Amino acid sequence: MIRQALLSVVAVAVVLLGRASADSATDRAAIADSAVKLSASATSLAKSASSSDDRAVRKKFAPRATELSDDLSALARRVRKDVPLDAIAKDTLGIAKDAAELIDLADEAEEKEERKSLRAQAQLLEQGVVAMRKNVETIAAKKDDSKKGPARPAAMSPQAFNALSAAVKEADFDRGKAAVLQQAAQSNYFTSAQVATLMTFFDFDDGRVEGAVACWSKIVDPENSFVIYTKFDFEGGKEKLRKRVAGR
């Protein structure tokens, strides 16, 4: 009976691990339900062990199974109280270790059949706890990723940037240099430092304005764009660039 219940809990935990949805309320309810079922299974296992003729099973295994049940029940309550999932994940790590220790305690039973039965049930319980822990960690990681926002695109590699720099240098006049950057910006991203370097290949500030504008929407670190302005010769050129990129 206990074995069937544990198998059911493990199956549910594995399904939850595969689903790992972004629905916070649904996720928490599923995790709490899994913890409650595991707690009930640990309680049943503890009651069964407490009636054993084996002293080690009664005095060591049964109390540890009861503690595990209590910890799982407390975990379910914490999940329902909206405790951060990263904190819940840390709790489940400790519970998983306790479940693993329960398997070792089962091996202390003297009677072979009882030892075999207790070990099998402890293993199933441990598998359920581990599956639940992985589910919590997966969901917690997804929550963290969503808070970070989308990842920044990668800027041009040094090799590709060197090739672009050579092409800009070889272009005739500032208009030609700006045209090269307009084409490159269609499929590439730049760091502010890269754009600043490209500005040094122009002869006049007006050309630098056109070149910088061509790259501006593809800059991956706009917070460092101030370095681009340092490559202009006059304040008038800097002001023109500010006006052209305002709001971008």
Foldseek 3Di string as FASTA:
>chain_A
DLLVLLVVLLVLLLVLLVCLDQPLVVNLVSLLVSLLSLLVSLQVLLVVQCPDPFPLSNPPLSVLSNVLSVLSNVLSVCSVVVDQLVVSLVSLVVSLVSLVVSLVSLCPGDDDVSSVVSNSSSVSSSSSSVSSSSSSVSNNVVVVVVVVPDDFDDADDPVVLVVLLVCLLPAPALVRSLVSLLVVQVPGAHALVSLLVSLLSHDALVSNLSNCLSRVVRHRCVVPNVSNLVSHDDPVSVVSSCVSPPPD
